[in-house]
Amino acid sequence: MPDQKAPATRPPAPAKLRILATADRLFYDEGVHTVGVDRIIAQSHVTKATFYKHYRSKDVLIAAYVQTRAGQAREAVEADRERLRDASGVLRAMVERFAAESRRPGFHGCPFINAATSQLDAAGPVTPAVVSWRTWLRSTLVDLFGEAGTSAPEDAADDLLLARDGAFGGSPIADPDATEASLHRALARLLS
């Protein structure tokens, strides 16, 4: 039997990537609910037909934005796992990223929560994309806390998620040093 290679996957069309990159910037900087499709089309330098060929609706584009951000989060955690090979170290690196993100100039909160609260169609594709990311994050935290020897890894994951959500929600008006210190204290308590 001859070797059968899997069919080569074609890279996404440049216009599709440009639309997504433009949406990512505008959605995060200005808010998912305030940025219209016409503005994304104009700043992406594509036609309406091209936009709707790649994204049937704004909610489909929002879901793609969420999936792209979720993919970046997964890649960062996988890189930490490879580099650190220690669950406690990976958790510390995640908390460092949470803290760094919450102090970044132009920080506007959690992109996933922002997207979930801004979808146009409650039965559309955005909620499943956000739930998928959140399920992955919680599951990853449960696994890491379990590997680190925490006695109640599910509780620890829930507690760290709540601390992360609080940091991301309050960060724009909070002292960034206090927010970062609080995240680190929470993790230290959960690991002890």
C-alpha atoms as a PDB file:
ATOM      1  CA  MET A   1       0.000   0.000   0.000  1.00  0.00           C
ATOM      2  CA  PRO A   2       1.560   3.333  -1.008  1.00  0.00           C
ATOM      3  CA  ASP A   3       2.133   6.036   1.576  1.00  0.00           C
ATOM      4  CA  GLN A   4      -0.836   8.310   1.752  1.00  0.00           C
ATOM      5  CA  LYS A   5      -0.131  11.788   2.903  1.00  0.00           C
ATOM      6  CA  ALA A   6      -2.760  13.910   4.517  1.00  0.00           C
ATOM      7  CA  PRO A   7      -3.946  16.605   2.167  1.00  0.00           C
ATOM      8  CA  ALA A   8      -2.062  19.833   2.636  1.00  0.00           C
ATOM      9  CA  THR A   9      -4.089  22.466   4.392  1.00  0.00           C
ATOM     10  CA  ARG A  10      -4.184  25.800   2.726  1.00  0.00           C
ATOM     11  CA  PRO A  11      -3.200  28.791   4.787  1.00  0.00           C
ATOM     12  CA  PRO A  12      -5.984  31.286   5.460  1.00  0.00           C
ATOM     13  CA  ALA A  13      -6.461  33.920   2.806  1.00  0.00           C
ATOM     14  CA  PRO A  14      -4.525  37.143   3.489  1.00  0.00           C
ATOM     15  CA  ALA A  15      -7.787  39.130   3.470  1.00  0.00           C
ATOM     16  CA  LYS A  16      -9.268  36.841   6.130  1.00  0.00           C
ATOM     17  CA  LEU A  17      -6.207  37.309   8.324  1.00  0.00           C
ATOM     18  CA  ARG A  18      -6.276  41.079   7.773  1.00  0.00           C
ATOM     19  CA  ILE A  19      -9.942  41.253   8.781  1.00  0.00           C
ATOM     20  CA  LEU A  20      -9.256  39.234  11.935  1.00  0.00           C
ATOM     21  CA  ALA A  21      -6.186  41.307  12.862  1.00  0.00           C
ATOM     22  CA  THR A  22      -8.137  44.533  12.383  1.00  0.00           C
ATOM     23  CA  ALA A  23     -11.053  43.202  14.428  1.00  0.00           C
ATOM     24  CA  ASP A  24      -8.704  42.017  17.177  1.00  0.00           C
ATOM     25  CA  ARG A  25      -7.201  45.482  17.535  1.00  0.00           C
ATOM     26  CA  LEU A  26     -10.482  47.389  17.306  1.00  0.00           C
ATOM     27  CA  PHE A  27     -12.531  44.999  19.422  1.00  0.00           C
ATOM     28  CA  TYR A  28     -10.043  45.084  22.248  1.00  0.00           C
ATOM     29  CA  ASP A  29      -9.117  48.763  22.090  1.00  0.00           C
ATOM     30  CA  GLU A  30     -12.605  50.184  21.597  1.00  0.00           C
ATOM     31  CA  GLY A  31     -15.030  47.482  22.651  1.00  0.00           C
ATOM     32  CA  VAL A  32     -16.680  44.702  20.709  1.00  0.00           C
ATOM     33  CA  HIS A  33     -20.096  46.340  20.877  1.00  0.00           C
ATOM     34  CA  THR A  34     -18.939  49.741  19.578  1.00  0.00           C
ATOM     35  CA  VAL A  35     -17.067  48.611  16.465  1.00  0.00           C
ATOM     36  CA  GLY A  36     -19.243  47.997  13.432  1.00  0.00           C
ATOM     37  CA  VAL A  37     -18.660  45.724  10.474  1.00  0.00           C
ATOM     38  CA  ASP A  38     -18.371  48.665   8.069  1.00  0.00           C
ATOM     39  CA  ARG A  39     -15.487  50.094  10.062  1.00  0.00           C
ATOM     40  CA  ILE A  40     -13.692  46.735  10.130  1.00  0.00           C
ATOM     41  CA  ILE A  41     -14.198  46.414   6.374  1.00  0.00           C
ATOM     42  CA  ALA A  42     -12.804  49.898   5.762  1.00  0.00           C
ATOM     43  CA  GLN A  43      -9.767  49.469   8.000  1.00  0.00           C
ATOM     44  CA  SER A  44      -9.077  45.988   6.618  1.00  0.00           C
ATOM     45  CA  HIS A  45      -9.151  47.346   3.061  1.00  0.00           C
ATOM     46  CA  VAL A  46     -11.511  44.631   1.856  1.00  0.00           C
ATOM     47  CA  THR A  47     -14.886  44.667   0.163  1.00  0.00           C
ATOM     48  CA  LYS A  48     -18.144  43.797   1.878  1.00  0.00           C
ATOM     49  CA  ALA A  49     -18.349  40.687  -0.281  1.00  0.00           C
ATOM     50  CA  THR A  50     -14.895  39.602   0.923  1.00  0.00           C
ATOM     51  CA  PHE A  51     -15.845  40.203   4.542  1.00  0.00           C
ATOM     52  CA  TYR A  52     -19.045  38.175   4.281  1.00  0.00           C
ATOM     53  CA  LYS A  53     -17.282  35.428   2.331  1.00  0.00           C
ATOM     54  CA  HIS A  54     -14.980  34.845   5.310  1.00  0.00           C
ATOM     55  CA  TYR A  55     -17.278  35.877   8.187  1.00  0.00           C
ATOM     56  CA  ARG A  56     -21.027  35.482   7.730  1.00  0.00           C
ATOM     57  CA  SER A  57     -21.787  37.925  10.550  1.00  0.00           C
ATOM     58  CA  LYS A  58     -20.199  40.066  13.216  1.00  0.00           C
ATOM     59  CA  ASP A  59     -20.810  37.317  15.778  1.00  0.00           C
ATOM     60  CA  VAL A  60     -18.882  34.829  13.618  1.00  0.00           C
ATOM     61  CA  LEU A  61     -16.012  37.327  13.556  1.00  0.00           C
ATOM     62  CA  ILE A  62     -16.242  37.840  17.339  1.00  0.00           C
ATOM     63  CA  ALA A  63     -16.082  34.054  17.818  1.00  0.00           C
ATOM     64  CA  ALA A  64     -12.991  33.893  15.567  1.00  0.00           C
ATOM     65  CA  TYR A  65     -11.430  36.714  17.627  1.00  0.00           C
ATOM     66  CA  VAL A  66     -12.110  34.741  20.835  1.00  0.00           C
ATOM     67  CA  GLN A  67     -10.721  31.527  19.316  1.00  0.00           C
ATOM     68  CA  THR A  68      -7.562  33.330  18.198  1.00  0.00           C
ATOM     69  CA  ARG A  69      -6.993  34.823  21.648  1.00  0.00           C
ATOM     70  CA  ALA A  70      -7.696  31.418  23.216  1.00  0.00           C
ATOM     71  CA  GLY A  71      -5.146  29.818  20.906  1.00  0.00           C
ATOM     72  CA  GLN A  72      -2.531  32.351  21.987  1.00  0.00           C
ATOM     73  CA  ALA A  73      -3.261  31.553  25.652  1.00  0.00           C
ATOM     74  CA  ARG A  74      -2.934  27.817  25.013  1.00  0.00           C
ATOM     75  CA  GLU A  75       0.365  28.299  23.180  1.00  0.00           C
ATOM     76  CA  ALA A  76       1.760  30.364  26.064  1.00  0.00           C
ATOM     77  CA  VAL A  77       0.843  27.703  28.626  1.00  0.00           C
ATOM     78  CA  GLU A  78       2.256  24.915  26.457  1.00  0.00           C
ATOM     79  CA  ALA A  79       5.499  26.888  26.047  1.00  0.00           C
ATOM     80  CA  ASP A  80       5.652  27.313  29.835  1.00  0.00           C
ATOM     81  CA  ARG A  81       5.082  23.583  30.335  1.00  0.00           C
ATOM     82  CA  GLU A  82       7.937  22.778  27.944  1.00  0.00           C
ATOM     83  CA  ARG A  83      10.266  25.369  29.401  1.00  0.00           C
ATOM     84  CA  LEU A  84       9.563  24.937  33.101  1.00  0.00           C
ATOM     85  CA  ARG A  85       8.481  21.286  33.420  1.00  0.00           C
ATOM     86  CA  ASP A  86       7.094  22.109  36.875  1.00  0.00           C
ATOM     87  CA  ALA A  87       3.402  22.671  37.555  1.00  0.00           C
ATOM     88  CA  SER A  88       4.029  25.263  40.286  1.00  0.00           C
ATOM     89  CA  GLY A  89       6.342  27.154  37.952  1.00  0.00           C
ATOM     90  CA  VAL A  90       3.753  27.088  35.161  1.00  0.00           C
ATOM     91  CA  LEU A  91       1.115  28.435  37.561  1.00  0.00           C
ATOM     92  CA  ARG A  92       3.490  31.212  38.624  1.00  0.00           C
ATOM     93  CA  ALA A  93       4.157  32.052  34.965  1.00  0.00           C
ATOM     94  CA  MET A  94       0.404  32.205  34.299  1.00  0.00           C
ATOM     95  CA  VAL A  95      -0.095  34.561  37.251  1.00  0.00           C
ATOM     96  CA  GLU A  96       2.795  36.685  35.968  1.00  0.00           C
ATOM     97  CA  ARG A  97       1.031  36.916  32.588  1.00  0.00           C
ATOM     98  CA  PHE A  98      -2.269  37.820  34.279  1.00  0.00           C
ATOM     99  CA  ALA A  99      -0.486  40.564  36.243  1.00  0.00           C
ATOM    100  CA  ALA A 100       1.491  41.827  33.233  1.00  0.00           C
ATOM    101  CA  GLU A 101      -1.634  41.945  31.093  1.00  0.00           C
ATOM    102  CA  SER A 102      -3.589  43.840  33.735  1.00  0.00           C
ATOM    103  CA  ARG A 103      -0.880  46.543  33.900  1.00  0.00           C
ATOM    104  CA  ARG A 104      -0.366  46.879  30.157  1.00  0.00           C
ATOM    105  CA  PRO A 105      -1.045  50.364  28.771  1.00  0.00           C
ATOM    106  CA  GLY A 106      -4.353  50.267  26.966  1.00  0.00           C
ATOM    107  CA  PHE A 107      -5.660  47.424  29.116  1.00  0.00           C
ATOM    108  CA  HIS A 108      -9.445  47.149  28.810  1.00  0.00           C
ATOM    109  CA  GLY A 109     -10.269  44.055  30.834  1.00  0.00           C
ATOM    110  CA  CYS A 110     -10.637  40.430  29.866  1.00  0.00           C
ATOM    111  CA  PRO A 111     -11.175  40.073  26.112  1.00  0.00           C
ATOM    112  CA  PHE A 112     -13.178  36.876  26.663  1.00  0.00           C
ATOM    113  CA  ILE A 113     -15.595  38.353  29.181  1.00  0.00           C
ATOM    114  CA  ASN A 114     -15.877  41.501  27.076  1.00  0.00           C
ATOM    115  CA  ALA A 115     -16.774  39.412  24.017  1.00  0.00           C
ATOM    116  CA  ALA A 116     -19.303  37.304  25.923  1.00  0.00           C
ATOM    117  CA  THR A 117     -21.152  40.383  27.129  1.00  0.00           C
ATOM    118  CA  SER A 118     -21.143  42.015  23.688  1.00  0.00           C
ATOM    119  CA  GLN A 119     -22.500  39.318  21.411  1.00  0.00           C
ATOM    120  CA  LEU A 120     -25.444  40.194  19.221  1.00  0.00           C
ATOM    121  CA  ASP A 121     -27.157  36.789  19.162  1.00  0.00           C
ATOM    122  CA  ALA A 122     -27.382  34.897  22.466  1.00  0.00           C
ATOM    123  CA  ALA A 123     -27.725  31.619  20.538  1.00  0.00           C
ATOM    124  CA  GLY A 124     -24.848  32.483  18.212  1.00  0.00           C
ATOM    125  CA  PRO A 125     -21.231  31.304  18.081  1.00  0.00           C
ATOM    126  CA  VAL A 126     -19.685  33.656  20.648  1.00  0.00           C
ATOM    127  CA  THR A 127     -20.846  31.990  23.875  1.00  0.00           C
ATOM    128  CA  PRO A 128     -19.612  28.520  22.822  1.00  0.00           C
ATOM    129  CA  ALA A 129     -16.218  30.011  21.895  1.00  0.00           C
ATOM    130  CA  VAL A 130     -15.912  31.758  25.262  1.00  0.00           C
ATOM    131  CA  VAL A 131     -17.162  28.703  27.161  1.00  0.00           C
ATOM    132  CA  SER A 132     -14.630  26.532  25.310  1.00  0.00           C
ATOM    133  CA  TRP A 133     -11.800  28.863  26.343  1.00  0.00           C
ATOM    134  CA  ARG A 134     -13.024  29.056  29.936  1.00  0.00           C
ATOM    135  CA  THR A 135     -13.423  25.273  30.132  1.00  0.00           C
ATOM    136  CA  TRP A 136      -9.897  24.826  28.807  1.00  0.00           C
ATOM    137  CA  LEU A 137      -8.475  27.373  31.280  1.00  0.00           C
ATOM    138  CA  ARG A 138     -10.233  25.811  34.275  1.00  0.00           C
ATOM    139  CA  SER A 139      -9.261  22.289  33.219  1.00  0.00           C
ATOM    140  CA  THR A 140      -5.654  23.374  32.749  1.00  0.00           C
ATOM    141  CA  LEU A 141      -5.610  24.980  36.189  1.00  0.00           C
ATOM    142  CA  VAL A 142      -7.149  21.868  37.781  1.00  0.00           C
ATOM    143  CA  ASP A 143      -4.471  19.713  36.131  1.00  0.00           C
ATOM    144  CA  LEU A 144      -1.657  22.035  37.188  1.00  0.00           C
ATOM    145  CA  PHE A 145      -2.856  22.315  40.780  1.00  0.00           C
ATOM    146  CA  GLY A 146      -3.220  18.531  40.881  1.00  0.00           C
ATOM    147  CA  GLU A 147       0.313  18.051  39.544  1.00  0.00           C
ATOM    148  CA  ALA A 148       1.571  20.576  42.100  1.00  0.00           C
ATOM    149  CA  GLY A 149       0.096  18.462  44.902  1.00  0.00           C
ATOM    150  CA  THR A 150      -2.733  20.788  45.925  1.00  0.00           C
ATOM    151  CA  SER A 151      -5.253  18.843  48.004  1.00  0.00           C
ATOM    152  CA  ALA A 152      -8.336  20.306  46.305  1.00  0.00           C
ATOM    153  CA  PRO A 153      -7.266  21.191  42.742  1.00  0.00           C
ATOM    154  CA  GLU A 154     -10.782  22.005  41.512  1.00  0.00           C
ATOM    155  CA  ASP A 155     -11.362  24.459  44.362  1.00  0.00           C
ATOM    156  CA  ALA A 156      -7.927  25.985  43.782  1.00  0.00           C
ATOM    157  CA  ALA A 157      -8.675  26.411  40.062  1.00  0.00           C
ATOM    158  CA  ASP A 158     -11.987  28.122  40.829  1.00  0.00           C
ATOM    159  CA  ASP A 159     -10.325  30.418  43.378  1.00  0.00           C
ATOM    160  CA  LEU A 160      -7.553  31.441  40.982  1.00  0.00           C
ATOM    161  CA  LEU A 161     -10.075  32.057  38.200  1.00  0.00           C
ATOM    162  CA  LEU A 162     -12.038  34.330  40.520  1.00  0.00           C
ATOM    163  CA  ALA A 163      -8.852  36.193  41.486  1.00  0.00           C
ATOM    164  CA  ARG A 164      -7.949  36.552  37.791  1.00  0.00           C
ATOM    165  CA  ASP A 165     -11.422  37.832  36.917  1.00  0.00           C
ATOM    166  CA  GLY A 166     -11.266  40.296  39.805  1.00  0.00           C
ATOM    167  CA  ALA A 167      -7.840  41.525  38.762  1.00  0.00           C
ATOM    168  CA  PHE A 168      -8.946  41.955  35.166  1.00  0.00           C
ATOM    169  CA  GLY A 169     -12.203  43.640  36.152  1.00  0.00           C
ATOM    170  CA  GLY A 170     -10.773  46.013  38.755  1.00  0.00           C
ATOM    171  CA  SER A 171      -7.401  46.668  37.224  1.00  0.00           C
ATOM    172  CA  PRO A 172      -8.320  49.766  35.237  1.00  0.00           C
ATOM    173  CA  ILE A 173      -9.089  51.612  38.478  1.00  0.00           C
ATOM    174  CA  ALA A 174      -6.865  49.740  40.950  1.00  0.00           C
ATOM    175  CA  ASP A 175      -3.265  50.123  41.999  1.00  0.00           C
ATOM    176  CA  PRO A 176      -1.405  47.771  39.628  1.00  0.00           C
ATOM    177  CA  ASP A 177       1.191  46.880  42.273  1.00  0.00           C
ATOM    178  CA  ALA A 178      -1.543  45.904  44.735  1.00  0.00           C
ATOM    179  CA  THR A 179      -3.326  43.871  42.058  1.00  0.00           C
ATOM    180  CA  GLU A 180      -0.154  41.986  41.182  1.00  0.00           C
ATOM    181  CA  ALA A 181       0.708  41.360  44.832  1.00  0.00           C
ATOM    182  CA  SER A 182      -2.811  40.091  45.475  1.00  0.00           C
ATOM    183  CA  LEU A 183      -2.609  37.626  42.570  1.00  0.00           C
ATOM    184  CA  HIS A 184       0.721  36.305  43.851  1.00  0.00           C
ATOM    185  CA  ARG A 185      -0.616  35.978  47.427  1.00  0.00           C
ATOM    186  CA  ALA A 186      -3.662  34.100  46.160  1.00  0.00           C
ATOM    187  CA  LEU A 187      -1.500  31.655  44.246  1.00  0.00           C
ATOM    188  CA  ALA A 188       0.875  31.166  47.188  1.00  0.00           C
ATOM    189  CA  ARG A 189      -2.097  30.348  49.465  1.00  0.00           C
ATOM    190  CA  LEU A 190      -3.518  27.922  46.911  1.00  0.00           C
ATOM    191  CA  LEU A 191      -0.201  26.128  46.512  1.00  0.00           C
ATOM    192  CA  SER A 192       0.460  25.781  50.268  1.00  0.00           C
END
